[in-house]
Amino acid sequence: MTTTQHPRRFAVLLTGHASPYTQHKYGGYGQMLVDLLKDGAETWDIIPVVDGIFPSPHDLDQYHGFVISGSRSDAHDNEPW
């Protein structure tokens, strides 16, 4: 009997946009985290929750884990979200 393993799938929940320099040099915060954590055997998605885009409830079951990025904001900022 053979079992088919699905590749592991993870997502970075992007909570802030990088500076233009960081975006250009490293691809932004999401890509920096993927480059740091990826071991080559899984799929990574970058979901810009900072822009109001969230995975659907159905999609949540498709992921093995989530990483929440940092941002340039802090708890004392007046950012609406």
Protein backbone atom coordinates (compact mmCIF):
# COMPACT_ATOMS: atom_id res chain seq x y z
CA MET A 1 0.00 0.00 0.00
CA THR A 2 1.35 3.40 -0.98
CA THR A 3 0.35 6.67 0.57
CA THR A 4 0.56 9.95 -1.24
CA GLN A 5 1.99 12.72 0.87
CA HIS A 6 0.92 16.24 0.08
CA PRO A 7 3.69 18.82 0.26
CA ARG A 8 3.64 20.89 3.40
CA ARG A 9 2.13 24.33 2.89
CA PHE A 10 2.77 27.39 5.04
CA ALA A 11 1.85 31.05 4.87
CA VAL A 12 3.39 34.30 6.00
CA LEU A 13 0.71 36.72 7.19
CA LEU A 14 2.21 40.03 6.11
CA THR A 15 1.40 42.71 8.69
CA GLY A 16 3.38 45.60 7.23
CA HIS A 17 5.04 46.87 4.09
CA ALA A 18 8.80 47.14 3.97
CA SER A 19 10.70 50.28 3.11
CA PRO A 20 11.44 50.75 -0.60
CA TYR A 21 15.06 49.75 0.04
CA THR A 22 14.12 46.51 1.84
CA GLN A 23 11.48 45.74 -0.78
CA HIS A 24 13.98 46.18 -3.60
CA LYS A 25 16.94 44.41 -1.96
CA TYR A 26 15.15 41.53 -0.20
CA GLY A 27 11.66 41.35 -1.71
CA GLY A 28 9.97 42.68 1.42
CA TYR A 29 9.30 41.23 4.87
CA GLY A 30 7.32 38.26 3.60
CA GLN A 31 9.98 37.12 1.17
CA MET A 32 12.67 37.61 3.81
CA LEU A 33 10.83 35.21 6.13
CA VAL A 34 10.27 32.66 3.37
CA ASP A 35 13.97 32.78 2.47
CA LEU A 36 14.90 32.32 6.12
CA LEU A 37 12.50 29.45 6.89
CA LYS A 38 12.10 27.49 3.65
CA ASP A 39 13.88 24.15 3.51
CA GLY A 40 12.93 23.41 -0.10
CA ALA A 41 10.35 20.72 0.56
CA GLU A 42 7.31 22.91 1.13
CA THR A 43 5.16 25.61 -0.44
CA TRP A 44 4.95 29.13 1.00
CA ASP A 45 2.32 31.80 0.36
CA ILE A 46 2.59 35.43 1.39
CA ILE A 47 -0.81 36.84 2.37
CA PRO A 48 -0.97 40.65 2.78
CA VAL A 49 -3.33 40.89 5.76
CA VAL A 50 -2.14 44.49 6.15
CA ASP A 51 -4.14 45.21 2.97
CA GLY A 52 -7.26 43.45 4.27
CA ILE A 53 -6.60 40.20 2.41
CA PHE A 54 -7.10 37.11 4.56
CA PRO A 55 -7.25 33.39 3.80
CA SER A 56 -10.78 32.05 3.59
CA PRO A 57 -11.97 29.66 6.31
CA HIS A 58 -11.75 26.82 3.77
CA ASP A 59 -8.15 27.71 2.93
CA LEU A 60 -7.09 27.57 6.59
CA ASP A 61 -7.31 23.77 6.49
CA GLN A 62 -4.82 23.72 3.59
CA TYR A 63 -1.96 25.10 5.70
CA HIS A 64 0.33 23.31 8.09
CA GLY A 65 1.30 26.55 9.82
CA PHE A 66 1.45 30.33 9.73
CA VAL A 67 4.14 32.90 10.45
CA ILE A 68 3.12 36.44 11.35
CA SER A 69 5.56 39.03 10.06
CA GLY A 70 6.70 42.09 11.89
CA SER A 71 6.19 45.61 10.63
CA ARG A 72 7.52 49.13 11.07
CA SER A 73 4.50 49.98 13.26
CA ASP A 74 4.23 49.55 17.00
CA ALA A 75 1.50 49.51 19.64
CA HIS A 76 1.68 53.30 20.02
CA ASP A 77 1.11 54.15 16.34
CA ASN A 78 -2.18 55.55 15.16
CA GLU A 79 -2.53 53.09 12.28
CA PRO A 80 -6.20 52.14 11.85
CA TRP A 81 -5.73 48.40 11.79
